[in-house]
Amino acid sequence: MKTKILKVLRNSDKYISGQSICDELGISRTAVWKYMNQLKEDGYGIEATQNKGYNITKYPDVLTEVELGSLFETAFFGNKIYFYDEIDSTNNEAKKKAEDGAKQGTLVIAECQNGGRGRRGKKWISPSGSGIWMSFVLKPTIHPYGASMITLVAALSVVSALKNIKGLECNIKWPNDIVANGKKICGILTEMSSELDAVNYVIIGIGININSTEFDEEISDIASSVFLETGLTIKRSQVVADFAKYFEKYYSIFMQTQDLRGLIDEYNGLLVNVGKEVKINNINSQFIGNAIGINDKGELLVKKQDGSVEKVIAGEVSVRGLYGYV
């Protein structure tokens, strides 16, 4: 009910009477008063004026179930939200929820991760208050080989959400990094449980550096944050809500064909690798070529020096710019 009251306050651009809230939500004036006090304790600025009602004047930078639930306008994303002050890994927790039968759209989000990780088991630094550390459950009716394409759907959704921030220009470094001015501000980790020809569930983990100002020495030259790029301190919950909106849109397009044909042009238009020389490193070999873009399976097309075009599959290789990270 607290979420519903916060949503009513958000959606009103003027004072709203206690009686109006009672009528809309079917609760008593005493209950309204109780929830308003709880919101104040949570850090929201609530003004109560006689004969006028309630007005919200301040929003804390929090990622709680109440905050996110009051912002989401989604069909399935965030239908169940689990918020933690601290957790080892949101991906690990989301997997546990999925194993226990969590529905598609279940969201796990935390202020801090003490065991966050990226691709190939790399550590992901995720201190309290500095970013968005979240994972969510999907249950797509697709063949397991198609699950990796959802990583690209998520990347496109992150860039679309971040576009709303003034002064921030983002691109995608294939397949799953979001970069600004050549530095990484977001990473995406996709994990799956499947049978031979069916997906049980997919977990999409996303880490976005929002207000981060310091990074470990080994990544300080390739990592950045929204704050470092723009000088702006933004409300993280709005970024999550914008991501949720775009993800549902792009995921629906993806599921219609179960490939990326409906998103390929938009994705390639944001791909920082396009037209650049890249070095492809895999277990057995490496080569240098010119990145052309992705195909409808999400594979990176790279024109080799002999003129042939190689299809590079995400998860099997590392892609680096010839003269740096991108």
C-alpha atoms as a PDB file:
ATOM      1  CA  MET A   1       0.000   0.000   0.000  1.00  0.00           C
ATOM      2  CA  LYS A   2       2.912   2.360   0.708  1.00  0.00           C
ATOM      3  CA  THR A   3       4.012   1.896  -2.902  1.00  0.00           C
ATOM      4  CA  LYS A   4       0.546   2.821  -4.157  1.00  0.00           C
ATOM      5  CA  ILE A   5       0.460   5.961  -2.008  1.00  0.00           C
ATOM      6  CA  LEU A   6       3.887   7.033  -3.266  1.00  0.00           C
ATOM      7  CA  LYS A   7       2.711   6.469  -6.833  1.00  0.00           C
ATOM      8  CA  VAL A   8      -0.346   8.663  -6.232  1.00  0.00           C
ATOM      9  CA  LEU A   9       1.889  11.431  -4.861  1.00  0.00           C
ATOM     10  CA  ARG A  10       4.302  11.120  -7.799  1.00  0.00           C
ATOM     11  CA  ASN A  11       1.498  11.348 -10.324  1.00  0.00           C
ATOM     12  CA  SER A  12       0.014  14.484  -8.793  1.00  0.00           C
ATOM     13  CA  ASP A  13       1.542  17.847  -9.740  1.00  0.00           C
ATOM     14  CA  LYS A  14      -0.251  19.610  -6.896  1.00  0.00           C
ATOM     15  CA  TYR A  15      -1.532  18.972  -3.390  1.00  0.00           C
ATOM     16  CA  ILE A  16      -3.838  15.983  -3.111  1.00  0.00           C
ATOM     17  CA  SER A  17      -6.298  15.651  -0.257  1.00  0.00           C
ATOM     18  CA  GLY A  18      -6.205  12.807   2.197  1.00  0.00           C
ATOM     19  CA  GLN A  19      -9.815  12.027   1.301  1.00  0.00           C
ATOM     20  CA  SER A  20      -8.940  11.737  -2.394  1.00  0.00           C
ATOM     21  CA  ILE A  21      -6.232   9.217  -1.520  1.00  0.00           C
ATOM     22  CA  CYS A  22      -8.702   7.314   0.684  1.00  0.00           C
ATOM     23  CA  ASP A  23     -11.256   7.172  -2.120  1.00  0.00           C
ATOM     24  CA  GLU A  24      -8.724   6.115  -4.759  1.00  0.00           C
ATOM     25  CA  LEU A  25      -7.082   3.384  -2.694  1.00  0.00           C
ATOM     26  CA  GLY A  26      -9.967   2.314  -0.467  1.00  0.00           C
ATOM     27  CA  ILE A  27      -8.215   2.938   2.859  1.00  0.00           C
ATOM     28  CA  SER A  28      -8.927   5.045   5.954  1.00  0.00           C
ATOM     29  CA  ARG A  29      -7.584   8.537   6.747  1.00  0.00           C
ATOM     30  CA  THR A  30      -5.679   6.980   9.648  1.00  0.00           C
ATOM     31  CA  ALA A  31      -3.963   4.557   7.274  1.00  0.00           C
ATOM     32  CA  VAL A  32      -3.014   7.413   4.935  1.00  0.00           C
ATOM     33  CA  TRP A  33      -1.492   9.339   7.841  1.00  0.00           C
ATOM     34  CA  LYS A  34       0.446   6.249   8.955  1.00  0.00           C
ATOM     35  CA  TYR A  35       1.922   5.609   5.502  1.00  0.00           C
ATOM     36  CA  MET A  36       2.807   9.278   5.037  1.00  0.00           C
ATOM     37  CA  ASN A  37       4.834   9.145   8.245  1.00  0.00           C
ATOM     38  CA  GLN A  38       6.559   5.984   7.058  1.00  0.00           C
ATOM     39  CA  LEU A  39       7.510   7.702   3.798  1.00  0.00           C
ATOM     40  CA  LYS A  40       8.948  10.617   5.784  1.00  0.00           C
ATOM     41  CA  GLU A  41      11.035   8.161   7.802  1.00  0.00           C
ATOM     42  CA  ASP A  42      12.256   6.667   4.509  1.00  0.00           C
ATOM     43  CA  GLY A  43      13.613  10.067   3.462  1.00  0.00           C
ATOM     44  CA  TYR A  44      10.788  11.429   1.316  1.00  0.00           C
ATOM     45  CA  GLY A  45       9.839  15.069   1.757  1.00  0.00           C
ATOM     46  CA  ILE A  46       6.100  15.086   2.474  1.00  0.00           C
ATOM     47  CA  GLU A  47       4.284  18.364   3.105  1.00  0.00           C
ATOM     48  CA  ALA A  48       0.917  18.217   4.845  1.00  0.00           C
ATOM     49  CA  THR A  49      -1.137  21.424   4.692  1.00  0.00           C
ATOM     50  CA  GLN A  50      -4.543  21.904   6.242  1.00  0.00           C
ATOM     51  CA  ASN A  51      -7.387  22.186   3.708  1.00  0.00           C
ATOM     52  CA  LYS A  52      -4.980  21.332   0.869  1.00  0.00           C
ATOM     53  CA  GLY A  53      -3.665  17.871   1.652  1.00  0.00           C
ATOM     54  CA  TYR A  54      -0.327  16.256   0.879  1.00  0.00           C
ATOM     55  CA  ASN A  55       2.462  17.153  -1.510  1.00  0.00           C
ATOM     56  CA  ILE A  56       5.811  15.467  -2.151  1.00  0.00           C
ATOM     57  CA  THR A  57       8.825  17.788  -2.328  1.00  0.00           C
ATOM     58  CA  LYS A  58      11.883  15.526  -2.106  1.00  0.00           C
ATOM     59  CA  TYR A  59      12.868  12.047  -3.223  1.00  0.00           C
ATOM     60  CA  PRO A  60      15.767  10.142  -1.655  1.00  0.00           C
ATOM     61  CA  ASP A  61      18.275   8.334  -3.889  1.00  0.00           C
ATOM     62  CA  VAL A  62      17.142   4.826  -2.981  1.00  0.00           C
ATOM     63  CA  LEU A  63      16.387   1.609  -4.857  1.00  0.00           C
ATOM     64  CA  THR A  64      13.818   0.052  -2.533  1.00  0.00           C
ATOM     65  CA  GLU A  65      10.770  -1.955  -3.549  1.00  0.00           C
ATOM     66  CA  VAL A  66       8.572   1.032  -2.709  1.00  0.00           C
ATOM     67  CA  GLU A  67      10.618   3.522  -4.737  1.00  0.00           C
ATOM     68  CA  LEU A  68      10.932   1.336  -7.825  1.00  0.00           C
ATOM     69  CA  GLY A  69       7.388   0.032  -7.615  1.00  0.00           C
ATOM     70  CA  SER A  70       6.061   3.595  -7.629  1.00  0.00           C
ATOM     71  CA  LEU A  71       7.997   4.357 -10.834  1.00  0.00           C
ATOM     72  CA  PHE A  72       7.526   1.222 -12.913  1.00  0.00           C
ATOM     73  CA  GLU A  73       4.950   1.257 -15.712  1.00  0.00           C
ATOM     74  CA  THR A  74       5.661  -2.245 -16.979  1.00  0.00           C
ATOM     75  CA  ALA A  75       3.839  -5.395 -18.009  1.00  0.00           C
ATOM     76  CA  PHE A  76       6.159  -7.898 -16.308  1.00  0.00           C
ATOM     77  CA  PHE A  77       9.496  -6.321 -15.394  1.00  0.00           C
ATOM     78  CA  GLY A  78       9.693  -5.865 -11.634  1.00  0.00           C
ATOM     79  CA  ASN A  79       6.406  -7.656 -10.918  1.00  0.00           C
ATOM     80  CA  LYS A  80       8.276  -8.816  -7.824  1.00  0.00           C
ATOM     81  CA  ILE A  81      11.154  -6.740  -6.431  1.00  0.00           C
ATOM     82  CA  TYR A  82      13.704  -7.887  -3.857  1.00  0.00           C
ATOM     83  CA  PHE A  83      15.893  -5.115  -2.449  1.00  0.00           C
ATOM     84  CA  TYR A  84      18.987  -5.746  -0.297  1.00  0.00           C
ATOM     85  CA  ASP A  85      21.234  -3.266   1.492  1.00  0.00           C
ATOM     86  CA  GLU A  86      24.126  -5.670   0.903  1.00  0.00           C
ATOM     87  CA  ILE A  87      24.410  -8.980  -0.912  1.00  0.00           C
ATOM     88  CA  ASP A  88      27.148 -11.195  -2.301  1.00  0.00           C
ATOM     89  CA  SER A  89      25.861 -11.124  -5.885  1.00  0.00           C
ATOM     90  CA  THR A  90      22.499 -10.158  -7.333  1.00  0.00           C
ATOM     91  CA  ASN A  91      23.002 -12.794 -10.049  1.00  0.00           C
ATOM     92  CA  ASN A  92      23.471 -15.521  -7.442  1.00  0.00           C
ATOM     93  CA  GLU A  93      20.340 -14.420  -5.592  1.00  0.00           C
ATOM     94  CA  ALA A  94      18.294 -14.154  -8.787  1.00  0.00           C
ATOM     95  CA  LYS A  95      19.337 -17.705  -9.698  1.00  0.00           C
ATOM     96  CA  LYS A  96      18.151 -18.927  -6.302  1.00  0.00           C
ATOM     97  CA  LYS A  97      14.821 -17.164  -6.834  1.00  0.00           C
ATOM     98  CA  ALA A  98      14.493 -18.693 -10.309  1.00  0.00           C
ATOM     99  CA  GLU A  99      15.251 -22.174  -8.975  1.00  0.00           C
ATOM    100  CA  ASP A 100      12.513 -21.614  -6.396  1.00  0.00           C
ATOM    101  CA  GLY A 101      10.001 -20.782  -9.123  1.00  0.00           C
ATOM    102  CA  ALA A 102      10.248 -16.994  -9.405  1.00  0.00           C
ATOM    103  CA  LYS A 103       8.218 -15.541 -12.260  1.00  0.00           C
ATOM    104  CA  GLN A 104       9.617 -13.829 -15.330  1.00  0.00           C
ATOM    105  CA  GLY A 105      10.433 -10.228 -14.467  1.00  0.00           C
ATOM    106  CA  THR A 106      11.477 -10.883 -10.868  1.00  0.00           C
ATOM    107  CA  LEU A 107      14.072  -8.238  -9.983  1.00  0.00           C
ATOM    108  CA  VAL A 108      16.889  -8.481  -7.442  1.00  0.00           C
ATOM    109  CA  ILE A 109      18.644  -5.186  -6.699  1.00  0.00           C
ATOM    110  CA  ALA A 110      21.139  -4.131  -4.043  1.00  0.00           C
ATOM    111  CA  GLU A 111      22.854  -1.047  -2.664  1.00  0.00           C
ATOM    112  CA  CYS A 112      26.097  -2.981  -2.401  1.00  0.00           C
ATOM    113  CA  GLN A 113      27.569  -6.260  -3.659  1.00  0.00           C
ATOM    114  CA  ASN A 114      30.527  -7.824  -1.876  1.00  0.00           C
ATOM    115  CA  GLY A 115      30.960 -10.554  -4.479  1.00  0.00           C
ATOM    116  CA  GLY A 116      29.878  -8.920  -7.725  1.00  0.00           C
ATOM    117  CA  ARG A 117      31.339 -10.407 -10.894  1.00  0.00           C
ATOM    118  CA  GLY A 118      31.479  -9.857 -14.619  1.00  0.00           C
ATOM    119  CA  ARG A 119      32.251 -12.054 -17.602  1.00  0.00           C
ATOM    120  CA  ARG A 120      34.861 -14.774 -17.172  1.00  0.00           C
ATOM    121  CA  GLY A 121      34.583 -14.465 -13.391  1.00  0.00           C
ATOM    122  CA  LYS A 122      36.151 -11.016 -13.219  1.00  0.00           C
ATOM    123  CA  LYS A 123      35.438  -9.074 -10.031  1.00  0.00           C
ATOM    124  CA  TRP A 124      32.926  -6.233 -10.359  1.00  0.00           C
ATOM    125  CA  ILE A 125      33.411  -3.464  -7.797  1.00  0.00           C
ATOM    126  CA  SER A 126      30.001  -2.372  -6.509  1.00  0.00           C
ATOM    127  CA  PRO A 127      30.151  -0.165  -3.399  1.00  0.00           C
ATOM    128  CA  SER A 128      27.104   1.241  -1.640  1.00  0.00           C
ATOM    129  CA  GLY A 129      25.275   4.184  -3.175  1.00  0.00           C
ATOM    130  CA  SER A 130      27.517   4.444  -6.214  1.00  0.00           C
ATOM    131  CA  GLY A 131      25.674   2.489  -8.865  1.00  0.00           C
ATOM    132  CA  ILE A 132      22.909   0.203 -10.014  1.00  0.00           C
ATOM    133  CA  TRP A 133      23.579  -3.459  -9.252  1.00  0.00           C
ATOM    134  CA  MET A 134      20.648  -5.565 -10.373  1.00  0.00           C
ATOM    135  CA  SER A 135      19.676  -8.906 -11.885  1.00  0.00           C
ATOM    136  CA  PHE A 136      16.373 -10.139 -13.222  1.00  0.00           C
ATOM    137  CA  VAL A 137      14.751 -13.411 -14.210  1.00  0.00           C
ATOM    138  CA  LEU A 138      13.549 -14.237 -17.711  1.00  0.00           C
ATOM    139  CA  LYS A 139      11.809 -17.406 -18.866  1.00  0.00           C
ATOM    140  CA  PRO A 140      11.837 -17.191 -22.659  1.00  0.00           C
ATOM    141  CA  THR A 141      10.430 -19.990 -24.780  1.00  0.00           C
ATOM    142  CA  ILE A 142      13.466 -20.112 -27.061  1.00  0.00           C
ATOM    143  CA  HIS A 143      16.232 -22.535 -27.969  1.00  0.00           C
ATOM    144  CA  PRO A 144      19.246 -22.220 -25.627  1.00  0.00           C
ATOM    145  CA  TYR A 145      21.509 -20.969 -28.422  1.00  0.00           C
ATOM    146  CA  GLY A 146      19.361 -17.838 -28.635  1.00  0.00           C
ATOM    147  CA  ALA A 147      19.791 -16.801 -25.004  1.00  0.00           C
ATOM    148  CA  SER A 148      23.058 -14.955 -25.593  1.00  0.00           C
ATOM    149  CA  MET A 149      21.226 -12.533 -27.891  1.00  0.00           C
ATOM    150  CA  ILE A 150      19.288 -11.215 -24.887  1.00  0.00           C
ATOM    151  CA  THR A 151      22.581  -9.721 -23.678  1.00  0.00           C
ATOM    152  CA  LEU A 152      22.522  -7.445 -26.717  1.00  0.00           C
ATOM    153  CA  VAL A 153      18.861  -6.591 -26.081  1.00  0.00           C
ATOM    154  CA  ALA A 154      19.826  -5.533 -22.547  1.00  0.00           C
ATOM    155  CA  ALA A 155      22.772  -3.465 -23.820  1.00  0.00           C
ATOM    156  CA  LEU A 156      20.507  -1.586 -26.216  1.00  0.00           C
ATOM    157  CA  SER A 157      18.067  -0.952 -23.359  1.00  0.00           C
ATOM    158  CA  VAL A 158      20.783   0.444 -21.074  1.00  0.00           C
ATOM    159  CA  VAL A 159      21.988   2.910 -23.712  1.00  0.00           C
ATOM    160  CA  SER A 160      18.407   4.013 -24.386  1.00  0.00           C
ATOM    161  CA  ALA A 161      17.853   4.634 -20.663  1.00  0.00           C
ATOM    162  CA  LEU A 162      21.108   6.567 -20.261  1.00  0.00           C
ATOM    163  CA  LYS A 163      20.343   8.750 -23.291  1.00  0.00           C
ATOM    164  CA  ASN A 164      17.908  10.664 -21.086  1.00  0.00           C
ATOM    165  CA  ILE A 165      20.812  12.036 -19.027  1.00  0.00           C
ATOM    166  CA  LYS A 166      21.946  15.451 -20.250  1.00  0.00           C
ATOM    167  CA  GLY A 167      25.478  15.536 -21.609  1.00  0.00           C
ATOM    168  CA  LEU A 168      26.000  11.768 -21.620  1.00  0.00           C
ATOM    169  CA  GLU A 169      26.770  10.068 -24.917  1.00  0.00           C
ATOM    170  CA  CYS A 170      26.974   6.290 -24.729  1.00  0.00           C
ATOM    171  CA  ASN A 171      27.822   3.521 -27.139  1.00  0.00           C
ATOM    172  CA  ILE A 172      27.977  -0.259 -27.047  1.00  0.00           C
ATOM    173  CA  LYS A 173      31.237  -2.173 -27.135  1.00  0.00           C
ATOM    174  CA  TRP A 174      30.251  -5.581 -28.477  1.00  0.00           C
ATOM    175  CA  PRO A 175      28.666  -7.520 -27.005  1.00  0.00           C
ATOM    176  CA  ASN A 176      27.881  -6.341 -23.494  1.00  0.00           C
ATOM    177  CA  ASP A 177      29.791  -3.237 -22.393  1.00  0.00           C
ATOM    178  CA  ILE A 178      28.436   0.304 -22.394  1.00  0.00           C
ATOM    179  CA  VAL A 179      31.096   2.967 -22.900  1.00  0.00           C
ATOM    180  CA  ALA A 180      31.243   6.754 -22.677  1.00  0.00           C
ATOM    181  CA  ASN A 181      34.252   8.576 -24.103  1.00  0.00           C
ATOM    182  CA  GLY A 182      35.940   5.223 -24.592  1.00  0.00           C
ATOM    183  CA  LYS A 183      35.561   4.163 -20.944  1.00  0.00           C
ATOM    184  CA  LYS A 184      33.310   1.458 -19.530  1.00  0.00           C
ATOM    185  CA  ILE A 185      30.384   2.591 -17.405  1.00  0.00           C
ATOM    186  CA  CYS A 186      28.254  -0.559 -17.540  1.00  0.00           C
ATOM    187  CA  GLY A 187      28.706  -4.295 -17.866  1.00  0.00           C
ATOM    188  CA  ILE A 188      26.171  -7.053 -18.445  1.00  0.00           C
ATOM    189  CA  LEU A 189      26.426 -10.684 -17.349  1.00  0.00           C
ATOM    190  CA  THR A 190      24.010 -13.263 -18.776  1.00  0.00           C
ATOM    191  CA  GLU A 191      23.662 -16.715 -17.216  1.00  0.00           C
ATOM    192  CA  MET A 192      21.311 -19.523 -18.156  1.00  0.00           C
ATOM    193  CA  SER A 193      19.862 -22.803 -16.950  1.00  0.00           C
ATOM    194  CA  SER A 194      18.709 -25.042 -19.786  1.00  0.00           C
ATOM    195  CA  GLU A 195      17.950 -28.503 -21.044  1.00  0.00           C
ATOM    196  CA  LEU A 196      19.139 -29.805 -24.409  1.00  0.00           C
ATOM    197  CA  ASP A 197      16.570 -27.861 -26.401  1.00  0.00           C
ATOM    198  CA  ALA A 198      14.763 -25.645 -23.885  1.00  0.00           C
ATOM    199  CA  VAL A 199      15.598 -22.774 -21.553  1.00  0.00           C
ATOM    200  CA  ASN A 200      14.626 -23.092 -17.895  1.00  0.00           C
ATOM    201  CA  TYR A 201      15.526 -19.494 -17.107  1.00  0.00           C
ATOM    202  CA  VAL A 202      17.924 -16.713 -18.025  1.00  0.00           C
ATOM    203  CA  ILE A 203      19.458 -14.302 -15.521  1.00  0.00           C
ATOM    204  CA  ILE A 204      20.506 -10.877 -16.794  1.00  0.00           C
ATOM    205  CA  GLY A 205      22.859  -9.078 -14.420  1.00  0.00           C
ATOM    206  CA  ILE A 206      23.599  -5.392 -14.956  1.00  0.00           C
ATOM    207  CA  GLY A 207      26.069  -3.132 -13.207  1.00  0.00           C
ATOM    208  CA  ILE A 208      26.013   0.596 -14.021  1.00  0.00           C
ATOM    209  CA  ASN A 209      28.523   3.008 -12.504  1.00  0.00           C
ATOM    210  CA  ILE A 210      26.360   6.018 -11.653  1.00  0.00           C
ATOM    211  CA  ASN A 211      27.997   8.086  -8.914  1.00  0.00           C
ATOM    212  CA  SER A 212      31.304   6.202  -8.686  1.00  0.00           C
ATOM    213  CA  THR A 213      34.392   8.411  -8.364  1.00  0.00           C
ATOM    214  CA  GLU A 214      37.178   5.895  -7.710  1.00  0.00           C
ATOM    215  CA  PHE A 215      38.155   2.573  -9.263  1.00  0.00           C
ATOM    216  CA  ASP A 216      40.761  -0.069  -8.557  1.00  0.00           C
ATOM    217  CA  GLU A 217      44.127   0.728 -10.084  1.00  0.00           C
ATOM    218  CA  GLU A 218      43.984  -2.082 -12.643  1.00  0.00           C
ATOM    219  CA  ILE A 219      40.800  -0.698 -14.248  1.00  0.00           C
ATOM    220  CA  SER A 220      41.083   3.027 -13.527  1.00  0.00           C
ATOM    221  CA  ASP A 221      42.233   3.795 -17.081  1.00  0.00           C
ATOM    222  CA  ILE A 222      39.261   2.037 -18.722  1.00  0.00           C
ATOM    223  CA  ALA A 223      36.400   2.643 -16.231  1.00  0.00           C
ATOM    224  CA  SER A 224      34.189   5.663 -15.666  1.00  0.00           C
ATOM    225  CA  SER A 225      30.770   6.639 -14.325  1.00  0.00           C
ATOM    226  CA  VAL A 226      27.846   8.862 -15.201  1.00  0.00           C
ATOM    227  CA  PHE A 227      29.017  11.380 -12.593  1.00  0.00           C
ATOM    228  CA  LEU A 228      32.592  11.489 -13.882  1.00  0.00           C
ATOM    229  CA  GLU A 229      31.375  11.972 -17.453  1.00  0.00           C
ATOM    230  CA  THR A 230      28.721  14.615 -16.751  1.00  0.00           C
ATOM    231  CA  GLY A 231      29.310  16.074 -13.295  1.00  0.00           C
ATOM    232  CA  LEU A 232      25.680  15.282 -12.532  1.00  0.00           C
ATOM    233  CA  THR A 233      24.359  13.420  -9.515  1.00  0.00           C
ATOM    234  CA  ILE A 234      21.245  11.615 -10.671  1.00  0.00           C
ATOM    235  CA  LYS A 235      18.519   9.527  -9.070  1.00  0.00           C
ATOM    236  CA  ARG A 236      19.358   5.915  -9.796  1.00  0.00           C
ATOM    237  CA  SER A 237      15.766   4.731  -9.517  1.00  0.00           C
ATOM    238  CA  GLN A 238      14.732   6.732 -12.586  1.00  0.00           C
ATOM    239  CA  VAL A 239      17.473   5.051 -14.638  1.00  0.00           C
ATOM    240  CA  VAL A 240      16.175   1.638 -13.534  1.00  0.00           C
ATOM    241  CA  ALA A 241      12.610   2.622 -14.449  1.00  0.00           C
ATOM    242  CA  ASP A 242      13.706   3.896 -17.860  1.00  0.00           C
ATOM    243  CA  PHE A 243      15.682   0.702 -18.451  1.00  0.00           C
ATOM    244  CA  ALA A 244      12.636  -1.406 -17.540  1.00  0.00           C
ATOM    245  CA  LYS A 245      10.487   0.459 -20.064  1.00  0.00           C
ATOM    246  CA  TYR A 246      12.994   0.077 -22.903  1.00  0.00           C
ATOM    247  CA  PHE A 247      13.827  -3.524 -22.072  1.00  0.00           C
ATOM    248  CA  GLU A 248      10.198  -4.598 -22.305  1.00  0.00           C
ATOM    249  CA  LYS A 249       9.935  -2.849 -25.680  1.00  0.00           C
ATOM    250  CA  TYR A 250      13.083  -4.386 -27.171  1.00  0.00           C
ATOM    251  CA  TYR A 251      12.561  -7.804 -25.588  1.00  0.00           C
ATOM    252  CA  SER A 252       9.102  -7.992 -27.160  1.00  0.00           C
ATOM    253  CA  ILE A 253      10.592  -7.232 -30.589  1.00  0.00           C
ATOM    254  CA  PHE A 254      13.283  -9.874 -30.030  1.00  0.00           C
ATOM    255  CA  MET A 255      10.791 -12.551 -28.971  1.00  0.00           C
ATOM    256  CA  GLN A 256       8.599 -12.004 -32.042  1.00  0.00           C
ATOM    257  CA  THR A 257      11.330 -13.424 -34.301  1.00  0.00           C
ATOM    258  CA  GLN A 258      13.664 -14.906 -31.643  1.00  0.00           C
ATOM    259  CA  ASP A 259      16.568 -13.118 -33.271  1.00  0.00           C
ATOM    260  CA  LEU A 260      17.836  -9.552 -33.648  1.00  0.00           C
ATOM    261  CA  ARG A 261      16.546  -8.708 -37.123  1.00  0.00           C
ATOM    262  CA  GLY A 262      14.166  -6.096 -35.697  1.00  0.00           C
ATOM    263  CA  LEU A 263      16.912  -4.426 -33.642  1.00  0.00           C
ATOM    264  CA  ILE A 264      20.015  -4.848 -35.788  1.00  0.00           C
ATOM    265  CA  ASP A 265      20.028  -1.358 -37.328  1.00  0.00           C
ATOM    266  CA  GLU A 266      19.545   0.404 -34.001  1.00  0.00           C
ATOM    267  CA  TYR A 267      22.214  -1.750 -32.334  1.00  0.00           C
ATOM    268  CA  ASN A 268      24.755  -1.256 -35.123  1.00  0.00           C
ATOM    269  CA  GLY A 269      24.098   2.480 -35.012  1.00  0.00           C
ATOM    270  CA  LEU A 270      25.329   2.497 -31.406  1.00  0.00           C
ATOM    271  CA  LEU A 271      28.193   0.028 -31.842  1.00  0.00           C
ATOM    272  CA  VAL A 272      31.497   1.730 -31.068  1.00  0.00           C
ATOM    273  CA  ASN A 273      33.463  -1.037 -32.809  1.00  0.00           C
ATOM    274  CA  VAL A 274      31.974  -0.399 -36.263  1.00  0.00           C
ATOM    275  CA  GLY A 275      34.558   0.691 -38.804  1.00  0.00           C
ATOM    276  CA  LYS A 276      37.419   0.178 -36.363  1.00  0.00           C
ATOM    277  CA  GLU A 277      40.289  -2.244 -36.391  1.00  0.00           C
ATOM    278  CA  VAL A 278      39.860  -4.796 -33.618  1.00  0.00           C
ATOM    279  CA  LYS A 279      41.934  -7.610 -32.208  1.00  0.00           C
ATOM    280  CA  ILE A 280      40.052 -10.875 -31.694  1.00  0.00           C
ATOM    281  CA  ASN A 281      41.494 -13.146 -29.017  1.00  0.00           C
ATOM    282  CA  ASN A 282      40.207 -16.668 -28.467  1.00  0.00           C
ATOM    283  CA  ILE A 283      41.658 -19.779 -26.880  1.00  0.00           C
ATOM    284  CA  ASN A 284      43.461 -21.071 -29.939  1.00  0.00           C
ATOM    285  CA  SER A 285      44.278 -18.022 -32.015  1.00  0.00           C
ATOM    286  CA  GLN A 286      44.011 -14.302 -32.533  1.00  0.00           C
ATOM    287  CA  PHE A 287      43.586 -12.090 -35.551  1.00  0.00           C
ATOM    288  CA  ILE A 288      43.135  -8.454 -36.512  1.00  0.00           C
ATOM    289  CA  GLY A 289      40.309  -7.210 -38.682  1.00  0.00           C
ATOM    290  CA  ASN A 290      37.816  -4.440 -39.316  1.00  0.00           C
ATOM    291  CA  ALA A 291      34.499  -4.618 -37.436  1.00  0.00           C
ATOM    292  CA  ILE A 292      31.489  -4.363 -39.763  1.00  0.00           C
ATOM    293  CA  GLY A 293      28.625  -4.777 -37.279  1.00  0.00           C
ATOM    294  CA  ILE A 294      26.428  -7.590 -35.993  1.00  0.00           C
ATOM    295  CA  ASN A 295      24.187  -9.996 -37.874  1.00  0.00           C
ATOM    296  CA  ASP A 296      20.710 -11.072 -36.779  1.00  0.00           C
ATOM    297  CA  LYS A 297      22.209 -13.715 -34.458  1.00  0.00           C
ATOM    298  CA  GLY A 298      24.241 -11.104 -32.581  1.00  0.00           C
ATOM    299  CA  GLU A 299      27.542 -12.341 -33.972  1.00  0.00           C
ATOM    300  CA  LEU A 300      30.161  -9.673 -34.681  1.00  0.00           C
ATOM    301  CA  LEU A 301      31.159  -9.593 -38.341  1.00  0.00           C
ATOM    302  CA  VAL A 302      34.859  -8.872 -38.769  1.00  0.00           C
ATOM    303  CA  LYS A 303      36.532  -8.422 -42.146  1.00  0.00           C
ATOM    304  CA  LYS A 304      39.946 -10.049 -42.003  1.00  0.00           C
ATOM    305  CA  GLN A 305      43.036  -8.781 -43.757  1.00  0.00           C
ATOM    306  CA  ASP A 306      42.612 -11.385 -46.511  1.00  0.00           C
ATOM    307  CA  GLY A 307      39.138 -10.007 -47.311  1.00  0.00           C
ATOM    308  CA  SER A 308      37.138 -12.843 -45.752  1.00  0.00           C
ATOM    309  CA  VAL A 309      34.474 -12.130 -43.139  1.00  0.00           C
ATOM    310  CA  GLU A 310      34.614 -13.949 -39.809  1.00  0.00           C
ATOM    311  CA  LYS A 311      31.571 -14.416 -37.568  1.00  0.00           C
ATOM    312  CA  VAL A 312      32.654 -13.884 -33.969  1.00  0.00           C
ATOM    313  CA  ILE A 313      30.473 -15.469 -31.289  1.00  0.00           C
ATOM    314  CA  ALA A 314      29.984 -13.736 -27.938  1.00  0.00           C
ATOM    315  CA  GLY A 315      31.343 -15.619 -24.950  1.00  0.00           C
ATOM    316  CA  GLU A 316      34.093 -17.325 -26.896  1.00  0.00           C
ATOM    317  CA  VAL A 317      36.439 -14.407 -27.512  1.00  0.00           C
ATOM    318  CA  SER A 318      37.772 -11.129 -26.213  1.00  0.00           C
ATOM    319  CA  VAL A 319      37.479  -8.093 -28.478  1.00  0.00           C
ATOM    320  CA  ARG A 320      39.774  -5.114 -28.069  1.00  0.00           C
ATOM    321  CA  GLY A 321      40.445  -2.045 -30.140  1.00  0.00           C
ATOM    322  CA  LEU A 322      43.823  -2.225 -31.798  1.00  0.00           C
ATOM    323  CA  TYR A 323      45.044   0.835 -29.915  1.00  0.00           C
ATOM    324  CA  GLY A 324      43.120   0.571 -26.655  1.00  0.00           C
ATOM    325  CA  TYR A 325      40.035  -0.725 -24.861  1.00  0.00           C
ATOM    326  CA  VAL A 326      37.608   0.176 -27.665  1.00  0.00           C
END
